[in-house]
Amino acid sequence: MWTGAGVATIVGASALGLVTVFGLWRRLPAAAAYALTASCGVGVAVGGLLVQDDVGTASWVVAVVALGVVSPVHARLVFGPPGRAHVVAAGPAAA
């Protein structure tokens, strides 16, 4: 059991995830934003598995893949598409 390393990994991945979705989500290209959120999900999964005793191989595979896939999907659903919005503001109404 690697409790200290697991907690540090969870905290680091969570902090990077917060910075990504709240600060960089609209500034990064879509591929970079999705890659960062996926890596944060994987980091949380790895940290969670490091703090547990007697974790099997299947747990490592399922947790890492599941959080690696679900994290970017969740961020996309909550925060909308990453990158700049392609919306043109309406001009003044013509009289």
PDB file of N, CA and C in Angstrom:
ATOM      1  N   MET A   1       0.843  -1.177   0.000  1.00  0.00           N
ATOM      2  CA  MET A   1       0.000   0.000   0.000  1.00  0.00           C
ATOM      3  C   MET A   1       0.890   1.242   0.000  1.00  0.00           C
ATOM      4  N   TRP A   2       0.621   2.137  -0.898  1.00  0.00           N
ATOM      5  CA  TRP A   2       1.392   3.354  -1.071  1.00  0.00           C
ATOM      6  C   TRP A   2       0.498   4.555  -0.773  1.00  0.00           C
ATOM      7  N   THR A   3       0.113   4.725   0.463  1.00  0.00           N
ATOM      8  CA  THR A   3      -0.883   5.729   0.817  1.00  0.00           C
ATOM      9  C   THR A   3      -0.434   7.137   0.456  1.00  0.00           C
ATOM     10  N   GLY A   4       0.770   7.505   0.813  1.00  0.00           N
ATOM     11  CA  GLY A   4       1.251   8.864   0.540  1.00  0.00           C
ATOM     12  C   GLY A   4       1.303   9.166  -0.945  1.00  0.00           C
ATOM     13  N   ALA A   5       1.814   8.226  -1.716  1.00  0.00           N
ATOM     14  CA  ALA A   5       1.896   8.421  -3.170  1.00  0.00           C
ATOM     15  C   ALA A   5       0.500   8.470  -3.786  1.00  0.00           C
ATOM     16  N   GLY A   6      -0.405   7.632  -3.278  1.00  0.00           N
ATOM     17  CA  GLY A   6      -1.769   7.631  -3.804  1.00  0.00           C
ATOM     18  C   GLY A   6      -2.490   8.933  -3.531  1.00  0.00           C
ATOM     19  N   VAL A   7      -2.386   9.432  -2.309  1.00  0.00           N
ATOM     20  CA  VAL A   7      -3.036  10.700  -1.963  1.00  0.00           C
ATOM     21  C   VAL A   7      -2.434  11.839  -2.770  1.00  0.00           C
ATOM     22  N   ALA A   8      -1.115  11.859  -2.907  1.00  0.00           N
ATOM     23  CA  ALA A   8      -0.464  12.909  -3.688  1.00  0.00           C
ATOM     24  C   ALA A   8      -0.896  12.855  -5.151  1.00  0.00           C
ATOM     25  N   THR A   9      -1.060  11.657  -5.692  1.00  0.00           N
ATOM     26  CA  THR A   9      -1.503  11.512  -7.077  1.00  0.00           C
ATOM     27  C   THR A   9      -2.933  11.992  -7.239  1.00  0.00           C
ATOM     28  N   ILE A  10      -3.805  11.658  -6.296  1.00  0.00           N
ATOM     29  CA  ILE A  10      -5.193  12.121  -6.363  1.00  0.00           C
ATOM     30  C   ILE A  10      -5.256  13.638  -6.280  1.00  0.00           C
ATOM     31  N   VAL A  11      -4.526  14.225  -5.349  1.00  0.00           N
ATOM     32  CA  VAL A  11      -4.538  15.680  -5.178  1.00  0.00           C
ATOM     33  C   VAL A  11      -3.973  16.373  -6.418  1.00  0.00           C
ATOM     34  N   GLY A  12      -2.863  15.874  -6.939  1.00  0.00           N
ATOM     35  CA  GLY A  12      -2.259  16.482  -8.121  1.00  0.00           C
ATOM     36  C   GLY A  12      -3.146  16.384  -9.352  1.00  0.00           C
ATOM     37  N   ALA A  13      -3.725  15.213  -9.578  1.00  0.00           N
ATOM     38  CA  ALA A  13      -4.603  15.032 -10.736  1.00  0.00           C
ATOM     39  C   ALA A  13      -5.864  15.881 -10.603  1.00  0.00           C
ATOM     40  N   SER A  14      -6.401  15.963  -9.396  1.00  0.00           N
ATOM     41  CA  SER A  14      -7.593  16.789  -9.178  1.00  0.00           C
ATOM     42  C   SER A  14      -7.292  18.269  -9.385  1.00  0.00           C
ATOM     43  N   ALA A  15      -6.149  18.719  -8.898  1.00  0.00           N
ATOM     44  CA  ALA A  15      -5.775  20.123  -9.083  1.00  0.00           C
ATOM     45  C   ALA A  15      -5.589  20.443 -10.563  1.00  0.00           C
ATOM     46  N   LEU A  16      -4.919  19.566 -11.293  1.00  0.00           N
ATOM     47  CA  LEU A  16      -4.745  19.775 -12.727  1.00  0.00           C
ATOM     48  C   LEU A  16      -6.094  19.763 -13.443  1.00  0.00           C
ATOM     49  N   GLY A  17      -6.987  18.880 -13.023  1.00  0.00           N
ATOM     50  CA  GLY A  17      -8.322  18.841 -13.616  1.00  0.00           C
ATOM     51  C   GLY A  17      -9.099  20.118 -13.373  1.00  0.00           C
ATOM     52  N   LEU A  18      -9.015  20.646 -12.169  1.00  0.00           N
ATOM     53  CA  LEU A  18      -9.710  21.903 -11.868  1.00  0.00           C
ATOM     54  C   LEU A  18      -9.171  23.054 -12.700  1.00  0.00           C
ATOM     55  N   VAL A  19      -7.856  23.139 -12.814  1.00  0.00           N
ATOM     56  CA  VAL A  19      -7.253  24.198 -13.633  1.00  0.00           C
ATOM     57  C   VAL A  19      -7.658  24.027 -15.098  1.00  0.00           C
ATOM     58  N   THR A  20      -7.707  22.786 -15.549  1.00  0.00           N
ATOM     59  CA  THR A  20      -8.059  22.522 -16.947  1.00  0.00           C
ATOM     60  C   THR A  20      -9.484  22.948 -17.253  1.00  0.00           C
ATOM     61  N   VAL A  21     -10.444  22.503 -16.454  1.00  0.00           N
ATOM     62  CA  VAL A  21     -11.838  22.779 -16.813  1.00  0.00           C
ATOM     63  C   VAL A  21     -12.276  24.186 -16.460  1.00  0.00           C
ATOM     64  N   PHE A  22     -11.736  24.771 -15.398  1.00  0.00           N
ATOM     65  CA  PHE A  22     -12.166  26.116 -15.027  1.00  0.00           C
ATOM     66  C   PHE A  22     -11.314  27.219 -15.653  1.00  0.00           C
ATOM     67  N   GLY A  23     -10.064  26.935 -15.971  1.00  0.00           N
ATOM     68  CA  GLY A  23      -9.203  27.978 -16.500  1.00  0.00           C
ATOM     69  C   GLY A  23      -8.805  27.822 -17.950  1.00  0.00           C
ATOM     70  N   LEU A  24      -8.631  26.580 -18.399  1.00  0.00           N
ATOM     71  CA  LEU A  24      -8.079  26.362 -19.735  1.00  0.00           C
ATOM     72  C   LEU A  24      -9.071  25.779 -20.729  1.00  0.00           C
ATOM     73  N   TRP A  25     -10.259  25.399 -20.294  1.00  0.00           N
ATOM     74  CA  TRP A  25     -11.198  24.689 -21.159  1.00  0.00           C
ATOM     75  C   TRP A  25     -11.508  25.452 -22.430  1.00  0.00           C
ATOM     76  N   ARG A  26     -11.708  26.743 -22.346  1.00  0.00           N
ATOM     77  CA  ARG A  26     -12.033  27.553 -23.525  1.00  0.00           C
ATOM     78  C   ARG A  26     -10.795  28.057 -24.267  1.00  0.00           C
ATOM     79  N   ARG A  27      -9.626  27.866 -23.688  1.00  0.00           N
ATOM     80  CA  ARG A  27      -8.404  28.375 -24.315  1.00  0.00           C
ATOM     81  C   ARG A  27      -7.625  27.300 -25.087  1.00  0.00           C
ATOM     82  N   LEU A  28      -7.816  26.053 -24.719  1.00  0.00           N
ATOM     83  CA  LEU A  28      -7.065  24.962 -25.343  1.00  0.00           C
ATOM     84  C   LEU A  28      -7.796  24.407 -26.563  1.00  0.00           C
ATOM     85  N   PRO A  29      -7.058  23.873 -27.512  1.00  0.00           N
ATOM     86  CA  PRO A  29      -7.710  23.127 -28.594  1.00  0.00           C
ATOM     87  C   PRO A  29      -8.421  21.899 -28.007  1.00  0.00           C
ATOM     88  N   ALA A  30      -9.418  21.425 -28.713  1.00  0.00           N
ATOM     89  CA  ALA A  30     -10.236  20.322 -28.201  1.00  0.00           C
ATOM     90  C   ALA A  30      -9.400  19.085 -27.854  1.00  0.00           C
ATOM     91  N   ALA A  31      -8.478  18.713 -28.718  1.00  0.00           N
ATOM     92  CA  ALA A  31      -7.672  17.510 -28.469  1.00  0.00           C
ATOM     93  C   ALA A  31      -6.849  17.650 -27.188  1.00  0.00           C
ATOM     94  N   ALA A  32      -6.274  18.811 -26.966  1.00  0.00           N
ATOM     95  CA  ALA A  32      -5.474  19.026 -25.759  1.00  0.00           C
ATOM     96  C   ALA A  32      -6.347  19.021 -24.511  1.00  0.00           C
ATOM     97  N   ALA A  33      -7.513  19.636 -24.594  1.00  0.00           N
ATOM     98  CA  ALA A  33      -8.417  19.669 -23.440  1.00  0.00           C
ATOM     99  C   ALA A  33      -8.891  18.269 -23.085  1.00  0.00           C
ATOM    100  N   TYR A  34      -9.257  17.488 -24.092  1.00  0.00           N
ATOM    101  CA  TYR A  34      -9.699  16.119 -23.832  1.00  0.00           C
ATOM    102  C   TYR A  34      -8.554  15.262 -23.297  1.00  0.00           C
ATOM    103  N   ALA A  35      -7.360  15.432 -23.825  1.00  0.00           N
ATOM    104  CA  ALA A  35      -6.210  14.661 -23.352  1.00  0.00           C
ATOM    105  C   ALA A  35      -5.883  14.997 -21.902  1.00  0.00           C
ATOM    106  N   LEU A  36      -5.950  16.275 -21.551  1.00  0.00           N
ATOM    107  CA  LEU A  36      -5.672  16.661 -20.170  1.00  0.00           C
ATOM    108  C   LEU A  36      -6.712  16.110 -19.209  1.00  0.00           C
ATOM    109  N   THR A  37      -7.980  16.197 -19.566  1.00  0.00           N
ATOM    110  CA  THR A  37      -9.002  15.677 -18.654  1.00  0.00           C
ATOM    111  C   THR A  37      -8.927  14.145 -18.559  1.00  0.00           C
ATOM    112  N   ALA A  38      -8.588  13.490 -19.656  1.00  0.00           N
ATOM    113  CA  ALA A  38      -8.419  12.033 -19.596  1.00  0.00           C
ATOM    114  C   ALA A  38      -7.250  11.668 -18.690  1.00  0.00           C
ATOM    115  N   SER A  39      -6.148  12.391 -18.795  1.00  0.00           N
ATOM    116  CA  SER A  39      -4.996  12.097 -17.941  1.00  0.00           C
ATOM    117  C   SER A  39      -5.311  12.387 -16.474  1.00  0.00           C
ATOM    118  N   CYS A  40      -6.138  13.379 -16.207  1.00  0.00           N
ATOM    119  CA  CYS A  40      -6.547  13.649 -14.825  1.00  0.00           C
ATOM    120  C   CYS A  40      -7.400  12.507 -14.290  1.00  0.00           C
ATOM    121  N   GLY A  41      -8.300  11.993 -15.107  1.00  0.00           N
ATOM    122  CA  GLY A  41      -9.102  10.847 -14.693  1.00  0.00           C
ATOM    123  C   GLY A  41      -8.247   9.624 -14.413  1.00  0.00           C
ATOM    124  N   VAL A  42      -7.281   9.387 -15.270  1.00  0.00           N
ATOM    125  CA  VAL A  42      -6.363   8.260 -15.060  1.00  0.00           C
ATOM    126  C   VAL A  42      -5.567   8.470 -13.772  1.00  0.00           C
ATOM    127  N   GLY A  43      -5.139   9.694 -13.511  1.00  0.00           N
ATOM    128  CA  GLY A  43      -4.398   9.989 -12.284  1.00  0.00           C
ATOM    129  C   GLY A  43      -5.215   9.740 -11.032  1.00  0.00           C
ATOM    130  N   VAL A  44      -6.486  10.127 -11.070  1.00  0.00           N
ATOM    131  CA  VAL A  44      -7.359   9.868  -9.923  1.00  0.00           C
ATOM    132  C   VAL A  44      -7.547   8.363  -9.726  1.00  0.00           C
ATOM    133  N   ALA A  45      -7.714   7.636 -10.816  1.00  0.00           N
ATOM    134  CA  ALA A  45      -7.875   6.175 -10.717  1.00  0.00           C
ATOM    135  C   ALA A  45      -6.626   5.525 -10.141  1.00  0.00           C
ATOM    136  N   VAL A  46      -5.470   5.911 -10.638  1.00  0.00           N
ATOM    137  CA  VAL A  46      -4.214   5.333 -10.149  1.00  0.00           C
ATOM    138  C   VAL A  46      -4.020   5.674  -8.675  1.00  0.00           C
ATOM    139  N   GLY A  47      -4.278   6.924  -8.302  1.00  0.00           N
ATOM    140  CA  GLY A  47      -4.149   7.306  -6.899  1.00  0.00           C
ATOM    141  C   GLY A  47      -5.099   6.534  -6.000  1.00  0.00           C
ATOM    142  N   GLY A  48      -6.323   6.362  -6.464  1.00  0.00           N
ATOM    143  CA  GLY A  48      -7.285   5.597  -5.681  1.00  0.00           C
ATOM    144  C   GLY A  48      -6.886   4.146  -5.511  1.00  0.00           C
ATOM    145  N   LEU A  49      -6.280   3.585  -6.525  1.00  0.00           N
ATOM    146  CA  LEU A  49      -5.831   2.195  -6.426  1.00  0.00           C
ATOM    147  C   LEU A  49      -4.575   2.057  -5.569  1.00  0.00           C
ATOM    148  N   LEU A  50      -3.740   3.086  -5.559  1.00  0.00           N
ATOM    149  CA  LEU A  50      -2.523   3.026  -4.745  1.00  0.00           C
ATOM    150  C   LEU A  50      -2.819   3.035  -3.251  1.00  0.00           C
ATOM    151  N   VAL A  51      -3.925   3.631  -2.827  1.00  0.00           N
ATOM    152  CA  VAL A  51      -4.218   3.692  -1.399  1.00  0.00           C
ATOM    153  C   VAL A  51      -4.929   2.435  -0.893  1.00  0.00           C
ATOM    154  N   GLN A  52      -5.281   1.529  -1.772  1.00  0.00           N
ATOM    155  CA  GLN A  52      -5.987   0.312  -1.380  1.00  0.00           C
ATOM    156  C   GLN A  52      -5.022  -0.863  -1.230  1.00  0.00           C
ATOM    157  N   ASP A  53      -5.427  -1.800  -0.410  1.00  0.00           N
ATOM    158  CA  ASP A  53      -4.662  -3.043  -0.244  1.00  0.00           C
ATOM    159  C   ASP A  53      -5.170  -4.097  -1.212  1.00  0.00           C
ATOM    160  N   ASP A  54      -4.271  -4.941  -1.681  1.00  0.00           N
ATOM    161  CA  ASP A  54      -4.612  -6.124  -2.470  1.00  0.00           C
ATOM    162  C   ASP A  54      -5.506  -5.801  -3.665  1.00  0.00           C
ATOM    163  N   VAL A  55      -5.008  -4.982  -4.571  1.00  0.00           N
ATOM    164  CA  VAL A  55      -5.750  -4.601  -5.774  1.00  0.00           C
ATOM    165  C   VAL A  55      -5.335  -5.537  -6.905  1.00  0.00           C
ATOM    166  N   GLY A  56      -6.320  -6.100  -7.571  1.00  0.00           N
ATOM    167  CA  GLY A  56      -6.046  -7.041  -8.657  1.00  0.00           C
ATOM    168  C   GLY A  56      -5.792  -6.346  -9.979  1.00  0.00           C
ATOM    169  N   THR A  57      -5.331  -7.121 -10.933  1.00  0.00           N
ATOM    170  CA  THR A  57      -5.040  -6.600 -12.265  1.00  0.00           C
ATOM    171  C   THR A  57      -6.282  -6.070 -12.940  1.00  0.00           C
ATOM    172  N   ALA A  58      -7.391  -6.745 -12.784  1.00  0.00           N
ATOM    173  CA  ALA A  58      -8.633  -6.303 -13.407  1.00  0.00           C
ATOM    174  C   ALA A  58      -9.057  -4.943 -12.871  1.00  0.00           C
ATOM    175  N   SER A  59      -8.845  -4.696 -11.592  1.00  0.00           N
ATOM    176  CA  SER A  59      -9.180  -3.394 -11.017  1.00  0.00           C
ATOM    177  C   SER A  59      -8.357  -2.285 -11.666  1.00  0.00           C
ATOM    178  N   TRP A  60      -7.079  -2.558 -11.895  1.00  0.00           N
ATOM    179  CA  TRP A  60      -6.229  -1.563 -12.539  1.00  0.00           C
ATOM    180  C   TRP A  60      -6.713  -1.268 -13.956  1.00  0.00           C
ATOM    181  N   VAL A  61      -7.032  -2.295 -14.692  1.00  0.00           N
ATOM    182  CA  VAL A  61      -7.462  -2.100 -16.077  1.00  0.00           C
ATOM    183  C   VAL A  61      -8.798  -1.367 -16.134  1.00  0.00           C
ATOM    184  N   VAL A  62      -9.768  -1.848 -15.379  1.00  0.00           N
ATOM    185  CA  VAL A  62     -11.112  -1.274 -15.448  1.00  0.00           C
ATOM    186  C   VAL A  62     -11.128   0.159 -14.931  1.00  0.00           C
ATOM    187  N   ALA A  63     -10.503   0.421 -13.794  1.00  0.00           N
ATOM    188  CA  ALA A  63     -10.533   1.762 -13.213  1.00  0.00           C
ATOM    189  C   ALA A  63      -9.827   2.778 -14.104  1.00  0.00           C
ATOM    190  N   VAL A  64      -8.666   2.423 -14.607  1.00  0.00           N
ATOM    191  CA  VAL A  64      -7.900   3.361 -15.435  1.00  0.00           C
ATOM    192  C   VAL A  64      -8.628   3.644 -16.743  1.00  0.00           C
ATOM    193  N   VAL A  65      -9.142   2.617 -17.390  1.00  0.00           N
ATOM    194  CA  VAL A  65      -9.862   2.823 -18.653  1.00  0.00           C
ATOM    195  C   VAL A  65     -11.164   3.579 -18.418  1.00  0.00           C
ATOM    196  N   ALA A  66     -11.904   3.195 -17.385  1.00  0.00           N
ATOM    197  CA  ALA A  66     -13.197   3.837 -17.129  1.00  0.00           C
ATOM    198  C   ALA A  66     -13.035   5.324 -16.836  1.00  0.00           C
ATOM    199  N   LEU A  67     -12.142   5.682 -15.935  1.00  0.00           N
ATOM    200  CA  LEU A  67     -11.981   7.102 -15.614  1.00  0.00           C
ATOM    201  C   LEU A  67     -11.283   7.866 -16.730  1.00  0.00           C
ATOM    202  N   GLY A  68     -10.448   7.193 -17.499  1.00  0.00           N
ATOM    203  CA  GLY A  68      -9.846   7.847 -18.657  1.00  0.00           C
ATOM    204  C   GLY A  68     -10.861   8.199 -19.727  1.00  0.00           C
ATOM    205  N   VAL A  69     -11.921   7.412 -19.829  1.00  0.00           N
ATOM    206  CA  VAL A  69     -12.977   7.683 -20.818  1.00  0.00           C
ATOM    207  C   VAL A  69     -14.048   8.598 -20.246  1.00  0.00           C
ATOM    208  N   VAL A  70     -14.454   8.362 -19.011  1.00  0.00           N
ATOM    209  CA  VAL A  70     -15.566   9.107 -18.427  1.00  0.00           C
ATOM    210  C   VAL A  70     -15.190  10.563 -18.126  1.00  0.00           C
ATOM    211  N   SER A  71     -13.964  10.834 -17.746  1.00  0.00           N
ATOM    212  CA  SER A  71     -13.571  12.202 -17.377  1.00  0.00           C
ATOM    213  C   SER A  71     -13.755  13.212 -18.505  1.00  0.00           C
ATOM    214  N   PRO A  72     -13.259  12.967 -19.717  1.00  0.00           N
ATOM    215  CA  PRO A  72     -13.495  13.939 -20.782  1.00  0.00           C
ATOM    216  C   PRO A  72     -14.967  14.029 -21.191  1.00  0.00           C
ATOM    217  N   VAL A  73     -15.673  12.906 -21.134  1.00  0.00           N
ATOM    218  CA  VAL A  73     -17.104  12.941 -21.474  1.00  0.00           C
ATOM    219  C   VAL A  73     -17.852  13.797 -20.459  1.00  0.00           C
ATOM    220  N   HIS A  74     -17.544  13.617 -19.191  1.00  0.00           N
ATOM    221  CA  HIS A  74     -18.188  14.395 -18.143  1.00  0.00           C
ATOM    222  C   HIS A  74     -17.874  15.888 -18.296  1.00  0.00           C
ATOM    223  N   ALA A  75     -16.620  16.213 -18.535  1.00  0.00           N
ATOM    224  CA  ALA A  75     -16.244  17.622 -18.714  1.00  0.00           C
ATOM    225  C   ALA A  75     -16.956  18.227 -19.920  1.00  0.00           C
ATOM    226  N   ARG A  76     -17.070  17.470 -20.988  1.00  0.00           N
ATOM    227  CA  ARG A  76     -17.763  17.955 -22.193  1.00  0.00           C
ATOM    228  C   ARG A  76     -19.237  18.206 -21.910  1.00  0.00           C
ATOM    229  N   LEU A  77     -19.872  17.313 -21.170  1.00  0.00           N
ATOM    230  CA  LEU A  77     -21.288  17.471 -20.860  1.00  0.00           C
ATOM    231  C   LEU A  77     -21.545  18.639 -19.914  1.00  0.00           C
ATOM    232  N   VAL A  78     -20.656  18.865 -18.972  1.00  0.00           N
ATOM    233  CA  VAL A  78     -20.858  19.921 -17.983  1.00  0.00           C
ATOM    234  C   VAL A  78     -20.437  21.285 -18.516  1.00  0.00           C
ATOM    235  N   PHE A  79     -19.297  21.367 -19.188  1.00  0.00           N
ATOM    236  CA  PHE A  79     -18.736  22.649 -19.586  1.00  0.00           C
ATOM    237  C   PHE A  79     -18.928  22.983 -21.058  1.00  0.00           C
ATOM    238  N   GLY A  80     -19.503  22.110 -21.818  1.00  0.00           N
ATOM    239  CA  GLY A  80     -19.688  22.365 -23.245  1.00  0.00           C
ATOM    240  C   GLY A  80     -18.428  22.020 -24.011  1.00  0.00           C
ATOM    241  N   PRO A  81     -18.455  22.266 -25.316  1.00  0.00           N
ATOM    242  CA  PRO A  81     -17.281  21.917 -26.118  1.00  0.00           C
ATOM    243  C   PRO A  81     -16.080  22.798 -25.762  1.00  0.00           C
ATOM    244  N   PRO A  82     -14.889  22.209 -25.758  1.00  0.00           N
ATOM    245  CA  PRO A  82     -13.695  23.010 -25.452  1.00  0.00           C
ATOM    246  C   PRO A  82     -13.324  23.897 -26.630  1.00  0.00           C
ATOM    247  N   GLY A  83     -12.461  24.839 -26.371  1.00  0.00           N
ATOM    248  CA  GLY A  83     -12.009  25.750 -27.413  1.00  0.00           C
ATOM    249  C   GLY A  83     -12.902  26.970 -27.498  1.00  0.00           C
ATOM    250  N   ARG A  84     -12.556  27.814 -28.390  1.00  0.00           N
ATOM    251  CA  ARG A  84     -13.321  29.044 -28.574  1.00  0.00           C
ATOM    252  C   ARG A  84     -14.701  28.733 -29.117  1.00  0.00           C
ATOM    253  N   ALA A  85     -15.686  29.469 -28.625  1.00  0.00           N
ATOM    254  CA  ALA A  85     -17.046  29.310 -29.129  1.00  0.00           C
ATOM    255  C   ALA A  85     -17.138  29.966 -30.503  1.00  0.00           C
ATOM    256  N   HIS A  86     -17.822  29.318 -31.408  1.00  0.00           N
ATOM    257  CA  HIS A  86     -17.978  29.834 -32.756  1.00  0.00           C
ATOM    258  C   HIS A  86     -19.332  30.524 -32.883  1.00  0.00           C
ATOM    259  N   VAL A  87     -19.513  31.524 -32.058  1.00  0.00           N
ATOM    260  CA  VAL A  87     -20.769  32.251 -32.021  1.00  0.00           C
ATOM    261  C   VAL A  87     -20.487  33.691 -32.375  1.00  0.00           C
ATOM    262  N   VAL A  88     -21.274  34.233 -33.268  1.00  0.00           N
ATOM    263  CA  VAL A  88     -21.156  35.635 -33.641  1.00  0.00           C
ATOM    264  C   VAL A  88     -22.272  36.391 -32.941  1.00  0.00           C
ATOM    265  N   ALA A  89     -21.892  37.414 -32.211  1.00  0.00           N
ATOM    266  CA  ALA A  89     -22.896  38.193 -31.504  1.00  0.00           C
ATOM    267  C   ALA A  89     -23.758  38.952 -32.515  1.00  0.00           C
ATOM    268  N   ALA A  90     -25.013  39.043 -32.185  1.00  0.00           N
ATOM    269  CA  ALA A  90     -25.935  39.775 -33.055  1.00  0.00           C
ATOM    270  C   ALA A  90     -25.670  41.266 -32.933  1.00  0.00           C
ATOM    271  N   GLY A  91     -25.719  41.925 -34.056  1.00  0.00           N
ATOM    272  CA  GLY A  91     -25.518  43.376 -34.080  1.00  0.00           C
ATOM    273  C   GLY A  91     -26.794  44.088 -33.653  1.00  0.00           C
ATOM    274  N   PRO A  92     -26.746  45.405 -33.665  1.00  0.00           N
ATOM    275  CA  PRO A  92     -27.940  46.152 -33.305  1.00  0.00           C
ATOM    276  C   PRO A  92     -29.080  45.846 -34.275  1.00  0.00           C
ATOM    277  N   ALA A  93     -30.255  45.843 -33.750  1.00  0.00           N
ATOM    278  CA  ALA A  93     -31.421  45.521 -34.563  1.00  0.00           C
ATOM    279  C   ALA A  93     -31.637  46.622 -35.597  1.00  0.00           C
ATOM    280  N   ALA A  94     -31.844  46.184 -36.829  1.00  0.00           N
ATOM    281  CA  ALA A  94     -32.100  47.169 -37.894  1.00  0.00           C
ATOM    282  C   ALA A  94     -33.525  47.691 -37.753  1.00  0.00           C
ATOM    283  N   ALA A  95     -33.647  48.981 -37.861  1.00  0.00           N
ATOM    284  CA  ALA A  95     -34.980  49.588 -37.694  1.00  0.00           C
ATOM    285  C   ALA A  95     -35.761  49.569 -38.978  1.00  0.00           C
TER     286      ALA A  95
END
